Amino acid sequence: MDWLIASPYGSPPRFVLPGIRNHVTQRGNRRDSHASAESVHLGVYGGGQWGGFGIRLGGAMAWHDVSTDRGLSFTGFSDNLSASHDARTAQLFGEDRQVNSQLNVRF
């Protein structure tokens, strides 16, 4: 999703809202094992250019659910081992930009 908002101060600021959901599964038939991971990612990114100065800021958050199962068996013994974990990942970022038109230099 991408929005442009009109601005009286130069180019319009731009805001982006990215998002994704993914699911991964793996099976190991010889070891009677199974693993899966599901994640949801959301973010926001925005910025604009005002004269020779520009700024861009953003952040992202992800939620993860990971689970594993494994069968264990040998003569006289069998068991099922399993684990489940939840996790979160967060990040923030930013950048600024300055243009010097007299020297034709961008920072």
Protein backbone atom coordinates (compact mmCIF):
# COMPACT_ATOMS: atom_id res chain seq x y z
CA MET A 1 0.00 0.00 0.00
CA ASP A 2 1.42 3.38 -0.96
CA TRP A 3 -0.01 6.83 -0.15
CA LEU A 4 1.04 10.24 -1.38
CA ILE A 5 -0.05 13.30 0.61
CA ALA A 6 0.05 16.80 -0.91
CA SER A 7 2.50 19.18 0.74
CA PRO A 8 2.96 22.93 0.23
CA TYR A 9 6.66 22.57 1.14
CA GLY A 10 8.21 20.83 -1.88
CA SER A 11 7.73 17.25 -2.99
CA PRO A 12 4.89 15.42 -1.22
CA PRO A 13 5.78 13.13 1.67
CA ARG A 14 5.49 9.46 0.82
CA PHE A 15 4.22 6.77 3.21
CA VAL A 16 4.42 3.02 2.60
CA LEU A 17 2.84 0.24 4.70
CA PRO A 18 4.42 -3.13 3.78
CA GLY A 19 3.16 -6.41 5.22
CA ILE A 20 3.68 -10.12 4.61
CA ARG A 21 2.76 -13.47 6.16
CA ASN A 22 4.77 -16.61 5.51
CA HIS A 23 4.69 -20.24 6.60
CA VAL A 24 7.49 -22.79 6.24
CA THR A 25 7.21 -26.54 6.95
CA GLN A 26 9.87 -29.23 6.86
CA ARG A 27 9.50 -32.98 7.33
CA GLY A 28 12.22 -35.52 7.94
CA ASN A 29 10.72 -38.92 7.16
CA ARG A 30 13.76 -40.98 8.17
CA ARG A 31 13.90 -39.32 11.59
CA ASP A 32 10.12 -39.05 12.10
CA SER A 33 10.49 -35.29 12.57
CA HIS A 34 8.55 -32.16 11.67
CA ALA A 35 9.27 -28.44 12.01
CA SER A 36 7.21 -25.39 11.10
CA ALA A 37 7.62 -21.64 11.35
CA GLU A 38 4.99 -18.99 10.77
CA SER A 39 5.78 -15.26 10.68
CA VAL A 40 3.82 -12.05 10.20
CA HIS A 41 5.71 -8.87 9.24
CA LEU A 42 4.34 -5.31 9.32
CA GLY A 43 6.14 -2.04 8.73
CA VAL A 44 5.81 1.63 8.01
CA TYR A 45 8.11 3.82 5.96
CA GLY A 46 7.79 7.50 5.17
CA GLY A 47 9.69 10.54 4.11
CA GLY A 48 9.84 13.57 1.95
CA GLN A 49 12.07 16.11 0.25
CA TRP A 50 11.91 19.82 1.14
CA GLY A 51 14.23 21.93 -0.95
CA GLY A 52 17.71 20.49 -0.52
CA PHE A 53 16.81 18.52 2.61
CA GLY A 54 15.18 15.11 2.71
CA ILE A 55 14.36 12.70 5.51
CA ARG A 56 13.13 9.11 5.57
CA LEU A 57 12.07 7.16 8.66
CA GLY A 58 10.65 3.71 9.18
CA GLY A 59 10.04 0.81 11.47
CA ALA A 60 9.10 -2.85 11.22
CA MET A 61 7.76 -5.51 13.57
CA ALA A 62 7.57 -9.27 13.07
CA TRP A 63 5.90 -12.00 15.12
CA HIS A 64 7.17 -15.60 14.82
CA ASP A 65 5.76 -18.97 15.93
CA VAL A 66 8.15 -21.93 15.65
CA SER A 67 7.36 -25.54 16.56
CA THR A 68 9.18 -28.87 16.24
CA ASP A 69 8.25 -32.53 16.82
CA ARG A 70 10.41 -35.62 16.71
CA GLY A 71 9.76 -39.26 17.40
CA LEU A 72 12.43 -41.13 19.32
CA SER A 73 12.42 -44.93 19.45
CA PHE A 74 14.80 -47.80 19.99
CA THR A 75 14.44 -51.30 21.38
CA GLY A 76 12.20 -51.19 24.44
CA PHE A 77 11.67 -47.40 24.37
CA SER A 78 9.75 -44.79 22.40
CA ASP A 79 8.88 -41.16 23.06
CA ASN A 80 7.79 -38.02 21.26
CA LEU A 81 9.83 -34.83 21.77
CA SER A 82 8.34 -31.44 20.95
CA ALA A 83 8.99 -27.73 21.43
CA SER A 84 7.16 -24.52 20.62
CA HIS A 85 8.52 -20.97 20.76
CA ASP A 86 7.15 -17.49 20.10
CA ALA A 87 9.43 -14.58 19.21
CA ARG A 88 9.28 -10.98 18.05
CA THR A 89 11.67 -8.89 15.99
CA ALA A 90 11.60 -5.08 15.85
CA GLN A 91 13.70 -2.55 13.96
CA LEU A 92 13.77 1.21 13.46
CA PHE A 93 15.73 3.07 10.81
CA GLY A 94 16.19 6.54 9.41
CA GLU A 95 18.20 8.57 6.97
CA ASP A 96 18.59 12.18 6.02
CA ARG A 97 19.77 13.76 2.80
CA GLN A 98 21.26 17.15 2.08
CA VAL A 99 21.83 18.45 -1.45
CA ASN A 100 24.27 21.29 -2.12
CA SER A 101 23.29 22.51 -5.58
CA GLN A 102 26.20 24.99 -5.77
CA LEU A 103 28.77 22.18 -5.53
CA ASN A 104 26.54 19.54 -7.12
CA VAL A 105 27.19 17.32 -4.05
CA ARG A 106 24.67 15.04 -2.31
CA PHE A 107 25.06 13.70 1.22
